[in-house]
C-alpha atoms as a PDB file:
ATOM      1  CA  MET A   1      92.440 100.114  85.592  1.00  0.00           C
ATOM      2  CA  SER A   2      91.259  97.386  83.262  1.00  0.00           C
ATOM      3  CA  VAL A   3      88.302  97.878  80.982  1.00  0.00           C
ATOM      4  CA  ALA A   4      85.656  95.201  80.498  1.00  0.00           C
ATOM      5  CA  ARG A   5      84.764  94.688  76.859  1.00  0.00           C
ATOM      6  CA  SER A   6      82.632  92.138  75.036  1.00  0.00           C
ATOM      7  CA  LYS A   7      84.253  90.439  72.089  1.00  0.00           C
ATOM      8  CA  ALA A   8      82.687  90.411  68.669  1.00  0.00           C
ATOM      9  CA  SER A   9      84.048  89.314  65.346  1.00  0.00           C
ATOM     10  CA  ALA A  10      82.886  89.480  61.782  1.00  0.00           C
ATOM     11  CA  ARG A  11      84.188  87.797  58.691  1.00  0.00           C
ATOM     12  CA  SER A  12      83.527  88.708  55.069  1.00  0.00           C
ATOM     13  CA  LYS A  13      84.885  87.308  51.858  1.00  0.00           C
ATOM     14  CA  THR A  14      86.464  89.581  49.297  1.00  0.00           C
ATOM     15  CA  PRO A  15      84.343  89.365  46.157  1.00  0.00           C
ATOM     16  CA  ALA A  16      86.070  87.922  43.115  1.00  0.00           C
ATOM     17  CA  ARG A  17      87.249  90.416  40.541  1.00  0.00           C
ATOM     18  CA  SER A  18      85.694  90.308  37.072  1.00  0.00           C
ATOM     19  CA  LYS A  19      86.268  92.300  33.926  1.00  0.00           C
ATOM     20  CA  ALA A  20      83.838  95.137  33.376  1.00  0.00           C
ATOM     21  CA  SER A  21      81.949  95.365  30.090  1.00  0.00           C
ATOM     22  CA  PRO A  22      78.815  97.191  28.987  1.00  0.00           C
ATOM     23  CA  ARG A  23      76.925  93.919  29.060  1.00  0.00           C
ATOM     24  CA  SER A  24      78.076  93.178  32.668  1.00  0.00           C
ATOM     25  CA  LEU A  25      77.265  96.655  34.068  1.00  0.00           C
ATOM     26  CA  LYS A  26      74.197  95.398  35.897  1.00  0.00           C
ATOM     27  CA  ALA A  27      76.199  92.544  37.447  1.00  0.00           C
ATOM     28  CA  VAL A  28      78.898  94.964  38.640  1.00  0.00           C
ATOM     29  CA  ARG A  29      76.281  97.179  40.225  1.00  0.00           C
ATOM     30  CA  SER A  30      74.739  94.143  41.898  1.00  0.00           C
ATOM     31  CA  LYS A  31      78.084  93.071  43.305  1.00  0.00           C
ATOM     32  CA  SER A  32      78.778  96.627  44.514  1.00  0.00           C
ATOM     33  CA  SER A  33      75.515  96.550  46.412  1.00  0.00           C
ATOM     34  CA  VAL A  34      76.544  93.264  48.047  1.00  0.00           C
ATOM     35  CA  VAL A  35      79.908  94.758  49.079  1.00  0.00           C
ATOM     36  CA  ALA A  36      78.200  97.809  50.559  1.00  0.00           C
ATOM     37  CA  LEU A  37      75.810  95.571  52.484  1.00  0.00           C
ATOM     38  CA  LEU A  38      78.658  93.451  53.854  1.00  0.00           C
ATOM     39  CA  THR A  39      80.589  96.596  54.838  1.00  0.00           C
ATOM     40  CA  ALA A  40      77.583  97.971  56.731  1.00  0.00           C
ATOM     41  CA  LEU A  41      77.140  94.643  58.499  1.00  0.00           C
ATOM     42  CA  LEU A  42      80.822  94.603  59.483  1.00  0.00           C
ATOM     43  CA  LEU A  43      80.539  98.109  60.964  1.00  0.00           C
ATOM     44  CA  VAL A  44      77.535  97.063  63.051  1.00  0.00           C
ATOM     45  CA  LEU A  45      79.392  94.041  64.414  1.00  0.00           C
ATOM     46  CA  LEU A  46      82.464  96.112  65.201  1.00  0.00           C
ATOM     47  CA  ALA A  47      80.320  98.651  67.042  1.00  0.00           C
ATOM     48  CA  ALA A  48      78.884  95.846  69.148  1.00  0.00           C
ATOM     49  CA  GLY A  49      82.418  94.749  69.993  1.00  0.00           C
ATOM     50  CA  CYS A  50      83.219  98.244  71.301  1.00  0.00           C
ATOM     51  CA  THR A  51      80.263  98.226  73.685  1.00  0.00           C
ATOM     52  CA  GLY A  52      78.913  95.661  76.102  1.00  0.00           C
ATOM     53  CA  GLY A  53      77.434  93.589  73.297  1.00  0.00           C
ATOM     54  CA  ASP A  54      73.958  94.890  74.080  1.00  0.00           C
ATOM     55  CA  GLY A  55      74.564  98.453  72.926  1.00  0.00           C
ATOM     56  CA  SER A  56      75.703  99.659  76.345  1.00  0.00           C
ATOM     57  CA  GLU A  57      78.844 101.715  76.873  1.00  0.00           C
ATOM     58  CA  PRO A  58      81.998  99.879  78.024  1.00  0.00           C
ATOM     59  CA  GLU A  59      82.382  99.735  81.772  1.00  0.00           C
ATOM     60  CA  SER A  60      85.338 101.328  83.517  1.00  0.00           C
ATOM     61  CA  ARG A  61      85.399  98.671  86.222  1.00  0.00           C
ATOM     62  CA  SER A  62      87.526  95.554  86.180  1.00  0.00           C
ATOM     63  CA  SER A  63      86.301  92.404  84.468  1.00  0.00           C
ATOM     64  CA  SER A  64      87.831  90.408  87.333  1.00  0.00           C
ATOM     65  CA  PRO A  65      85.098  88.348  89.028  1.00  0.00           C
ATOM     66  CA  SER A  66      86.607  88.959  92.449  1.00  0.00           C
ATOM     67  CA  GLY A  67      86.513  92.735  92.096  1.00  0.00           C
ATOM     68  CA  THR A  68      89.679  93.128  94.144  1.00  0.00           C
ATOM     69  CA  GLY A  69      91.982  96.048  94.687  1.00  0.00           C
ATOM     70  CA  ALA A  70      91.448  99.391  93.042  1.00  0.00           C
ATOM     71  CA  ASP A  71      88.708  97.952  90.806  1.00  0.00           C
ATOM     72  CA  ALA A  72      86.406  96.983  93.702  1.00  0.00           C
ATOM     73  CA  LYS A  73      83.128  98.874  93.619  1.00  0.00           C
ATOM     74  CA  VAL A  74      82.009 100.300  96.944  1.00  0.00           C
ATOM     75  CA  LEU A  75      78.723 101.300  98.569  1.00  0.00           C
ATOM     76  CA  ALA A  76      78.736 104.669 100.325  1.00  0.00           C
ATOM     77  CA  VAL A  77      75.881 105.585 102.677  1.00  0.00           C
ATOM     78  CA  LYS A  78      75.326 109.055 104.150  1.00  0.00           C
ATOM     79  CA  ILE A  79      74.512 108.570 107.831  1.00  0.00           C
ATOM     80  CA  ASP A  80      72.979 110.850 110.441  1.00  0.00           C
ATOM     81  CA  ASN A  81      75.119 111.716 113.475  1.00  0.00           C
ATOM     82  CA  VAL A  82      73.098 113.913 115.825  1.00  0.00           C
ATOM     83  CA  ALA A  83      72.031 112.570 119.221  1.00  0.00           C
ATOM     84  CA  PRO A  84      68.511 111.431 118.161  1.00  0.00           C
ATOM     85  CA  ALA A  85      70.102 109.290 115.426  1.00  0.00           C
ATOM     86  CA  ARG A  86      72.325 107.283 117.764  1.00  0.00           C
ATOM     87  CA  PRO A  87      73.154 104.464 117.999  1.00  0.00           C
ATOM     88  CA  GLN A  88      73.499 104.014 114.271  1.00  0.00           C
ATOM     89  CA  THR A  89      72.831 100.660 112.619  1.00  0.00           C
ATOM     90  CA  GLY A  90      75.474  98.825 110.574  1.00  0.00           C
ATOM     91  CA  LEU A  91      78.211 101.402 111.129  1.00  0.00           C
ATOM     92  CA  GLU A  92      80.537  98.871 112.779  1.00  0.00           C
ATOM     93  CA  ARG A  93      80.718  96.846 109.552  1.00  0.00           C
ATOM     94  CA  ALA A  94      81.906  99.719 107.371  1.00  0.00           C
ATOM     95  CA  ASP A  95      85.425  99.485 105.949  1.00  0.00           C
ATOM     96  CA  ILE A  96      85.842 103.270 106.097  1.00  0.00           C
ATOM     97  CA  VAL A  97      83.934 105.974 107.986  1.00  0.00           C
ATOM     98  CA  TYR A  98      84.419 109.632 107.063  1.00  0.00           C
ATOM     99  CA  VAL A  99      83.475 112.322 109.590  1.00  0.00           C
ATOM    100  CA  GLU A 100      82.487 115.587 107.884  1.00  0.00           C
ATOM    101  CA  GLN A 101      81.349 118.999 109.059  1.00  0.00           C
ATOM    102  CA  VAL A 102      77.878 120.092 107.930  1.00  0.00           C
ATOM    103  CA  GLU A 103      75.554 123.014 108.639  1.00  0.00           C
ATOM    104  CA  ALA A 104      75.560 124.708 112.052  1.00  0.00           C
ATOM    105  CA  GLY A 105      78.919 123.089 112.855  1.00  0.00           C
ATOM    106  CA  LEU A 106      77.421 119.603 113.292  1.00  0.00           C
ATOM    107  CA  SER A 107      78.944 116.374 111.994  1.00  0.00           C
ATOM    108  CA  ARG A 108      77.676 113.767 109.576  1.00  0.00           C
ATOM    109  CA  LEU A 109      79.137 110.420 108.540  1.00  0.00           C
ATOM    110  CA  LEU A 110      79.827 108.779 105.188  1.00  0.00           C
ATOM    111  CA  ALA A 111      80.172 105.014 105.652  1.00  0.00           C
ATOM    112  CA  VAL A 112      81.877 103.031 102.880  1.00  0.00           C
ATOM    113  CA  TYR A 113      81.258  99.291 102.479  1.00  0.00           C
ATOM    114  CA  SER A 114      82.976  96.733 100.279  1.00  0.00           C
ATOM    115  CA  SER A 115      84.278  93.697 102.176  1.00  0.00           C
ATOM    116  CA  ASP A 116      81.010  93.232 104.053  1.00  0.00           C
ATOM    117  CA  VAL A 117      77.547  94.772 103.926  1.00  0.00           C
ATOM    118  CA  PRO A 118      75.064  94.600 106.824  1.00  0.00           C
ATOM    119  CA  PRO A 119      71.375  93.841 106.214  1.00  0.00           C
ATOM    120  CA  VAL A 120      70.332  97.301 107.450  1.00  0.00           C
ATOM    121  CA  VAL A 121      72.197 100.643 107.495  1.00  0.00           C
ATOM    122  CA  GLY A 122      71.098 103.977 108.899  1.00  0.00           C
ATOM    123  CA  PRO A 123      69.700 106.402 109.725  1.00  0.00           C
ATOM    124  CA  VAL A 124      70.234 107.633 106.169  1.00  0.00           C
ATOM    125  CA  ARG A 125      70.433 111.385 105.538  1.00  0.00           C
ATOM    126  CA  SER A 126      70.963 113.766 102.646  1.00  0.00           C
ATOM    127  CA  ALA A 127      74.076 114.161 100.483  1.00  0.00           C
ATOM    128  CA  ARG A 128      76.369 117.186 100.372  1.00  0.00           C
ATOM    129  CA  GLU A 129      78.635 118.744  97.763  1.00  0.00           C
ATOM    130  CA  THR A 130      81.657 117.519  99.736  1.00  0.00           C
ATOM    131  CA  ASP A 131      80.611 113.909  99.116  1.00  0.00           C
ATOM    132  CA  LEU A 132      80.877 114.275  95.348  1.00  0.00           C
ATOM    133  CA  GLU A 133      84.545 115.294  95.399  1.00  0.00           C
ATOM    134  CA  LEU A 134      85.416 112.845  98.159  1.00  0.00           C
ATOM    135  CA  LEU A 135      83.891 109.870  96.305  1.00  0.00           C
ATOM    136  CA  ARG A 136      85.776 110.600  93.072  1.00  0.00           C
ATOM    137  CA  GLN A 137      88.595 108.564  94.638  1.00  0.00           C
ATOM    138  CA  PHE A 138      86.534 105.410  94.080  1.00  0.00           C
ATOM    139  CA  ASP A 139      85.645 103.755  90.788  1.00  0.00           C
ATOM    140  CA  ARG A 140      81.987 104.724  90.221  1.00  0.00           C
ATOM    141  CA  PRO A 141      80.695 104.046  93.737  1.00  0.00           C
ATOM    142  CA  VAL A 142      77.056 103.492  94.657  1.00  0.00           C
ATOM    143  CA  LEU A 143      75.797 106.365  96.828  1.00  0.00           C
ATOM    144  CA  ALA A 144      72.757 105.851  99.066  1.00  0.00           C
ATOM    145  CA  PHE A 145      71.267 109.029 100.525  1.00  0.00           C
ATOM    146  CA  SER A 146      67.863 110.357 101.556  1.00  0.00           C
ATOM    147  CA  GLY A 147      67.849 113.276  99.111  1.00  0.00           C
ATOM    148  CA  ALA A 148      69.583 116.573  98.430  1.00  0.00           C
ATOM    149  CA  GLN A 149      68.909 120.225  97.785  1.00  0.00           C
ATOM    150  CA  SER A 150      67.255 120.744  94.409  1.00  0.00           C
ATOM    151  CA  ARG A 151      70.183 122.880  93.194  1.00  0.00           C
ATOM    152  CA  LEU A 152      72.624 120.083  94.045  1.00  0.00           C
ATOM    153  CA  LEU A 153      70.710 117.324  92.234  1.00  0.00           C
ATOM    154  CA  PRO A 154      72.098 118.161  88.755  1.00  0.00           C
ATOM    155  CA  ALA A 155      75.650 117.884  90.125  1.00  0.00           C
ATOM    156  CA  ILE A 156      74.821 114.481  91.621  1.00  0.00           C
ATOM    157  CA  GLU A 157      73.407 113.336  88.284  1.00  0.00           C
ATOM    158  CA  ARG A 158      76.601 114.425  86.486  1.00  0.00           C
ATOM    159  CA  ALA A 159      78.926 112.872  89.052  1.00  0.00           C
ATOM    160  CA  PRO A 160      80.673 109.566  88.186  1.00  0.00           C
ATOM    161  CA  LEU A 161      78.650 107.535  90.674  1.00  0.00           C
ATOM    162  CA  ASP A 162      75.431 105.526  90.836  1.00  0.00           C
ATOM    163  CA  ALA A 163      72.949 107.503  92.931  1.00  0.00           C
ATOM    164  CA  VAL A 164      70.345 105.445  94.807  1.00  0.00           C
ATOM    165  CA  PRO A 165      68.006 107.723  96.785  1.00  0.00           C
ATOM    166  CA  PRO A 166      64.539 106.504  97.884  1.00  0.00           C
ATOM    167  CA  SER A 167      63.025 107.924  94.691  1.00  0.00           C
ATOM    168  CA  ALA A 168      65.146 105.460  92.685  1.00  0.00           C
ATOM    169  CA  ALA A 169      64.719 102.435  94.984  1.00  0.00           C
ATOM    170  CA  HIS A 170      61.709 102.976  97.239  1.00  0.00           C
ATOM    171  CA  ARG A 171      61.534  99.287  98.261  1.00  0.00           C
ATOM    172  CA  ALA A 172      65.078  99.502  99.658  1.00  0.00           C
ATOM    173  CA  TYR A 173      64.196 102.100 102.304  1.00  0.00           C
ATOM    174  CA  PHE A 174      61.904 102.009 105.319  1.00  0.00           C
ATOM    175  CA  ARG A 175      61.002 104.171 108.300  1.00  0.00           C
ATOM    176  CA  GLY A 176      61.710 102.822 111.778  1.00  0.00           C
ATOM    177  CA  ALA A 177      58.902 103.213 114.295  1.00  0.00           C
ATOM    178  CA  GLU A 178      61.122 103.841 117.316  1.00  0.00           C
ATOM    179  CA  ARG A 179      62.405 107.262 116.216  1.00  0.00           C
ATOM    180  CA  PRO A 180      60.868 110.408 114.786  1.00  0.00           C
ATOM    181  CA  ALA A 181      61.599 111.589 111.254  1.00  0.00           C
ATOM    182  CA  PRO A 182      64.025 112.508 109.817  1.00  0.00           C
ATOM    183  CA  HIS A 183      66.177 110.281 112.051  1.00  0.00           C
ATOM    184  CA  ASN A 184      64.428 107.005 111.198  1.00  0.00           C
ATOM    185  CA  LEU A 185      65.129 106.283 107.508  1.00  0.00           C
ATOM    186  CA  TYR A 186      66.996 103.009 106.956  1.00  0.00           C
ATOM    187  CA  LEU A 187      68.445 101.204 103.944  1.00  0.00           C
ATOM    188  CA  ARG A 188      68.275  97.502 103.101  1.00  0.00           C
ATOM    189  CA  PRO A 189      71.339  97.180 100.821  1.00  0.00           C
ATOM    190  CA  GLU A 190      70.220  93.820  99.419  1.00  0.00           C
ATOM    191  CA  ARG A 191      67.401  95.657  97.605  1.00  0.00           C
ATOM    192  CA  ILE A 192      69.639  97.985  95.605  1.00  0.00           C
ATOM    193  CA  PRO A 193      71.830  97.058  92.612  1.00  0.00           C
ATOM    194  CA  TYR A 194      74.982  96.412  94.614  1.00  0.00           C
ATOM    195  CA  THR A 195      76.900  93.285  95.617  1.00  0.00           C
ATOM    196  CA  ALA A 196      79.845  93.398  98.010  1.00  0.00           C
ATOM    197  CA  SER A 197      83.105  92.508  96.294  1.00  0.00           C
ATOM    198  CA  GLY A 198      84.709  91.017  99.397  1.00  0.00           C
ATOM    199  CA  ALA A 199      87.715  93.315  98.944  1.00  0.00           C
ATOM    200  CA  GLU A 200      88.599  95.952 101.529  1.00  0.00           C
ATOM    201  CA  ALA A 201      87.548  99.452 100.509  1.00  0.00           C
ATOM    202  CA  VAL A 202      90.938 100.819 101.605  1.00  0.00           C
ATOM    203  CA  GLU A 203      92.505  98.923  98.707  1.00  0.00           C
ATOM    204  CA  ALA A 204      90.370 100.945  96.304  1.00  0.00           C
ATOM    205  CA  LEU A 205      92.105 104.032  97.718  1.00  0.00           C
ATOM    206  CA  GLY A 206      95.563 102.635  97.135  1.00  0.00           C
ATOM    207  CA  LEU A 207      96.055 102.061 100.867  1.00  0.00           C
ATOM    208  CA  ARG A 208      97.116  98.817 102.483  1.00  0.00           C
ATOM    209  CA  PHE A 209      97.383  97.070 105.825  1.00  0.00           C
ATOM    210  CA  GLY A 210     100.871  96.571 107.216  1.00  0.00           C
ATOM    211  CA  PRO A 211     103.257  97.212 110.103  1.00  0.00           C
ATOM    212  CA  ALA A 212     103.449 100.601 111.788  1.00  0.00           C
ATOM    213  CA  PRO A 213     106.185 103.026 110.761  1.00  0.00           C
ATOM    214  CA  PRO A 214     109.084 103.554 113.153  1.00  0.00           C
ATOM    215  CA  GLY A 215     108.763 106.148 115.872  1.00  0.00           C
ATOM    216  CA  GLY A 216     105.469 107.650 116.877  1.00  0.00           C
ATOM    217  CA  SER A 217     104.425 108.857 120.305  1.00  0.00           C
ATOM    218  CA  ALA A 218     102.208 107.095 122.820  1.00  0.00           C
ATOM    219  CA  GLU A 219      98.676 108.487 122.823  1.00  0.00           C
ATOM    220  CA  ASP A 220      95.713 107.628 125.028  1.00  0.00           C
ATOM    221  CA  SER A 221      93.070 109.695 123.243  1.00  0.00           C
ATOM    222  CA  ARG A 222      92.532 112.327 120.574  1.00  0.00           C
ATOM    223  CA  THR A 223      89.575 114.714 120.212  1.00  0.00           C
ATOM    224  CA  VAL A 224      88.599 116.537 117.025  1.00  0.00           C
ATOM    225  CA  ARG A 225      86.272 119.500 117.527  1.00  0.00           C
ATOM    226  CA  PHE A 226      83.795 121.013 115.104  1.00  0.00           C
ATOM    227  CA  PRO A 227      81.928 124.204 116.053  1.00  0.00           C
ATOM    228  CA  SER A 228      78.974 122.208 117.428  1.00  0.00           C
ATOM    229  CA  ALA A 229      80.283 118.644 117.620  1.00  0.00           C
ATOM    230  CA  ARG A 230      83.279 116.695 118.817  1.00  0.00           C
ATOM    231  CA  THR A 231      84.631 113.210 118.147  1.00  0.00           C
ATOM    232  CA  THR A 232      86.991 111.456 120.577  1.00  0.00           C
ATOM    233  CA  PHE A 233      89.047 108.314 120.004  1.00  0.00           C
ATOM    234  CA  THR A 234      90.351 106.514 123.131  1.00  0.00           C
ATOM    235  CA  TRP A 235      92.829 103.656 122.829  1.00  0.00           C
ATOM    236  CA  SER A 236      91.790 100.285 124.273  1.00  0.00           C
ATOM    237  CA  ALA A 237      94.697  97.870 124.469  1.00  0.00           C
ATOM    238  CA  GLU A 238      92.286  95.086 125.429  1.00  0.00           C
ATOM    239  CA  ARG A 239      90.208  95.490 122.263  1.00  0.00           C
ATOM    240  CA  GLU A 240      93.090  96.798 120.129  1.00  0.00           C
ATOM    241  CA  ARG A 241      90.758  99.513 118.927  1.00  0.00           C
ATOM    242  CA  TRP A 242      90.302 103.264 119.215  1.00  0.00           C
ATOM    243  CA  LEU A 243      86.911 103.480 120.925  1.00  0.00           C
ATOM    244  CA  VAL A 244      84.707 106.211 119.501  1.00  0.00           C
ATOM    245  CA  SER A 245      82.832 108.843 121.500  1.00  0.00           C
ATOM    246  CA  MET A 246      80.495 111.434 119.998  1.00  0.00           C
ATOM    247  CA  ASP A 247      79.851 114.695 121.850  1.00  0.00           C
ATOM    248  CA  GLY A 248      81.150 113.192 125.082  1.00  0.00           C
ATOM    249  CA  SER A 249      79.117 109.955 124.973  1.00  0.00           C
ATOM    250  CA  PRO A 250      80.629 106.548 124.108  1.00  0.00           C
ATOM    251  CA  SER A 251      79.413 105.362 120.711  1.00  0.00           C
ATOM    252  CA  ARG A 252      77.811 101.941 120.528  1.00  0.00           C
ATOM    253  CA  THR A 253      76.413  99.655 117.897  1.00  0.00           C
ATOM    254  CA  SER A 254      72.695  98.942 117.710  1.00  0.00           C
ATOM    255  CA  GLU A 255      73.492  95.751 119.668  1.00  0.00           C
ATOM    256  CA  GLY A 256      75.131  97.747 122.461  1.00  0.00           C
ATOM    257  CA  GLU A 257      78.760  96.928 121.683  1.00  0.00           C
ATOM    258  CA  PRO A 258      81.465  99.637 121.732  1.00  0.00           C
ATOM    259  CA  LEU A 259      82.166 101.187 118.344  1.00  0.00           C
ATOM    260  CA  GLY A 260      85.845 101.212 117.455  1.00  0.00           C
ATOM    261  CA  ALA A 261      88.438 101.847 114.750  1.00  0.00           C
ATOM    262  CA  ALA A 262      91.742 100.087 114.073  1.00  0.00           C
ATOM    263  CA  THR A 263      93.228 103.204 112.459  1.00  0.00           C
ATOM    264  CA  VAL A 264      92.186 106.830 112.754  1.00  0.00           C
ATOM    265  CA  ILE A 265      93.440 109.539 110.412  1.00  0.00           C
ATOM    266  CA  VAL A 266      92.908 113.142 111.452  1.00  0.00           C
ATOM    267  CA  GLN A 267      93.330 114.969 108.149  1.00  0.00           C
ATOM    268  CA  ASP A 268      93.855 118.735 108.282  1.00  0.00           C
ATOM    269  CA  VAL A 269      91.882 120.313 105.438  1.00  0.00           C
ATOM    270  CA  THR A 270      90.388 123.593 104.288  1.00  0.00           C
ATOM    271  CA  VAL A 271      86.709 123.920 105.210  1.00  0.00           C
ATOM    272  CA  ARG A 272      85.115 126.884 103.452  1.00  0.00           C
ATOM    273  CA  PRO A 273      81.604 128.219 102.744  1.00  0.00           C
ATOM    274  CA  SER A 274      79.836 126.834  99.701  1.00  0.00           C
ATOM    275  CA  ALA A 275      77.073 128.129  97.460  1.00  0.00           C
ATOM    276  CA  PHE A 276      74.519 125.988  99.325  1.00  0.00           C
ATOM    277  CA  GLY A 277      72.659 126.347 102.604  1.00  0.00           C
ATOM    278  CA  ASP A 278      69.904 124.754 104.667  1.00  0.00           C
ATOM    279  CA  ARG A 279      66.333 125.922 105.319  1.00  0.00           C
ATOM    280  CA  SER A 280      67.380 127.631 108.542  1.00  0.00           C
ATOM    281  CA  GLY A 281      69.771 129.915 106.711  1.00  0.00           C
ATOM    282  CA  ASN A 282      72.966 128.078 107.712  1.00  0.00           C
ATOM    283  CA  ASN A 283      75.651 127.834 105.061  1.00  0.00           C
ATOM    284  CA  THR A 284      76.714 124.350 103.973  1.00  0.00           C
ATOM    285  CA  PRO A 285      80.479 124.060 104.458  1.00  0.00           C
ATOM    286  CA  PHE A 286      82.573 122.528 101.689  1.00  0.00           C
ATOM    287  CA  THR A 287      85.520 120.353 102.698  1.00  0.00           C
ATOM    288  CA  GLU A 288      88.404 120.464 100.230  1.00  0.00           C
ATOM    289  CA  THR A 289      89.851 116.962  99.914  1.00  0.00           C
ATOM    290  CA  VAL A 290      92.034 117.706  96.883  1.00  0.00           C
ATOM    291  CA  GLY A 291      95.360 119.302  97.745  1.00  0.00           C
ATOM    292  CA  SER A 292      97.906 118.550 100.441  1.00  0.00           C
ATOM    293  CA  GLY A 293      98.582 119.152 104.097  1.00  0.00           C
ATOM    294  CA  THR A 294      99.369 117.617 107.452  1.00  0.00           C
ATOM    295  CA  ALA A 295      97.680 114.728 109.227  1.00  0.00           C
ATOM    296  CA  HIS A 296      98.006 112.513 112.273  1.00  0.00           C
ATOM    297  CA  VAL A 297      97.661 108.756 112.020  1.00  0.00           C
ATOM    298  CA  LEU A 298      96.548 106.904 115.146  1.00  0.00           C
ATOM    299  CA  ARG A 299      97.200 103.182 115.339  1.00  0.00           C
ATOM    300  CA  ASP A 300      98.305 100.648 117.959  1.00  0.00           C
ATOM    301  CA  GLY A 301      98.121 103.197 120.778  1.00  0.00           C
ATOM    302  CA  LYS A 302     100.456 105.652 119.059  1.00  0.00           C
ATOM    303  CA  ALA A 303     100.182 108.851 117.038  1.00  0.00           C
ATOM    304  CA  TYR A 304     102.304 109.445 113.935  1.00  0.00           C
ATOM    305  CA  GLU A 305     102.862 112.756 112.203  1.00  0.00           C
ATOM    306  CA  ALA A 306     101.992 112.483 108.535  1.00  0.00           C
ATOM    307  CA  GLN A 307     101.544 114.336 105.271  1.00  0.00           C
ATOM    308  CA  TRP A 308      98.659 113.866 102.858  1.00  0.00           C
ATOM    309  CA  ALA A 309      98.448 114.654  99.157  1.00  0.00           C
ATOM    310  CA  ARG A 310      95.758 114.249  96.525  1.00  0.00           C
ATOM    311  CA  THR A 311      96.737 115.764  93.210  1.00  0.00           C
ATOM    312  CA  ALA A 312      93.347 115.631  91.471  1.00  0.00           C
ATOM    313  CA  ALA A 313      89.722 114.748  92.158  1.00  0.00           C
ATOM    314  CA  ASP A 314      90.081 111.328  90.530  1.00  0.00           C
ATOM    315  CA  ALA A 315      93.401 110.578  92.283  1.00  0.00           C
ATOM    316  CA  ASP A 316      93.956 108.612  95.484  1.00  0.00           C
ATOM    317  CA  THR A 317      94.951 110.310  98.721  1.00  0.00           C
ATOM    318  CA  ARG A 318      98.476 109.364  99.746  1.00  0.00           C
ATOM    319  CA  PHE A 319      99.504 109.385 103.409  1.00  0.00           C
ATOM    320  CA  SER A 320     103.202 109.406 104.168  1.00  0.00           C
ATOM    321  CA  THR A 321     105.674 110.119 106.938  1.00  0.00           C
ATOM    322  CA  PRO A 322     107.464 113.502 106.975  1.00  0.00           C
ATOM    323  CA  ASP A 323     110.332 111.639 105.245  1.00  0.00           C
ATOM    324  CA  GLY A 324     108.032 110.589 102.407  1.00  0.00           C
ATOM    325  CA  GLU A 325     107.647 106.934 103.395  1.00  0.00           C
ATOM    326  CA  ARG A 326     104.249 105.329 102.904  1.00  0.00           C
ATOM    327  CA  ILE A 327     102.164 104.799 106.054  1.00  0.00           C
ATOM    328  CA  ASP A 328     100.308 101.506 106.306  1.00  0.00           C
ATOM    329  CA  LEU A 329      97.153 100.861 108.311  1.00  0.00           C
ATOM    330  CA  ALA A 330      96.355  98.534 111.181  1.00  0.00           C
ATOM    331  CA  GLU A 331      93.996  95.816 109.994  1.00  0.00           C
ATOM    332  CA  GLY A 332      90.388  96.721 110.653  1.00  0.00           C
ATOM    333  CA  PRO A 333      88.033  99.682 110.244  1.00  0.00           C
ATOM    334  CA  LEU A 334      89.500 103.019 109.153  1.00  0.00           C
ATOM    335  CA  TRP A 335      88.015 106.317 110.360  1.00  0.00           C
ATOM    336  CA  ILE A 336      89.029 109.551 108.638  1.00  0.00           C
ATOM    337  CA  VAL A 337      88.112 112.832 110.343  1.00  0.00           C
ATOM    338  CA  TYR A 338      88.331 116.062 108.359  1.00  0.00           C
ATOM    339  CA  ALA A 339      89.641 118.698 110.759  1.00  0.00           C
ATOM    340  CA  ALA A 340      89.530 122.355 109.711  1.00  0.00           C
ATOM    341  CA  ARG A 341      93.002 123.864 109.578  1.00  0.00           C
END
């Protein structure tokens, strides 16, 4: 990862040496004061060169204007996924969609944008502890969410991300009149400090598009079940997409078009209780995305057995065949579903 730094330089002339004498003591002291002043000035200029030039800390993102590859900054939006929140707006333009388990066995989505950002995204809901570990894979992402439990807010503030809830950007959010709260909060991304890089978000994860691995087995559909929710992906050869269904109903965009994924990864993970809960007394599950395990990759009408590994919170997740060969993705949206093992 490259580091953007501002350049600063300072030049100073070495003062000429002179012979000391009792009569020149005052002159020596005067010259010493000048040297000290020049030294202090040099230190100030050097300090400016180590920051952004305006006193800010050096950025960890790339100085490349295109923001490509692993240095591309992404926008992540926490999106509602219960029946009153459907159809969602802007979900079809996400590079990556994560499906997570939340309280009462329901599901919630985390949509990640980078190559393209729609004018409106939503409905926006609250963040979870799982999101903080998951997003460590990206280089200081922007996270848009409706809020969070008060005990979780300090962890969000410490996390290496830029949090943009309504309290930080009230002009970026609005309530839709066609739905009741809390399923009607929407984000206008153009009103937050984020600009799409044009690079695919999968590249920021170290993944890439490419041909399918050899083998695989033909698959028409795959369903992942949570205690109170289920997500089904059905292959459409005509659209070359895995069409998404939520809780038995086909998912559609806000314009009425089928919602689909080019690649689906069903990642087997540990889902355990956390120290948080909702107002109804339900525990908030925590999904462990650091570690290793099995997975299934769906692409081009086939299913491939896979292994996943993420060695640390700030490391990428690697998906490989049982033989250790890298698995590439079909070009288009990627959906990752965290299935409890």
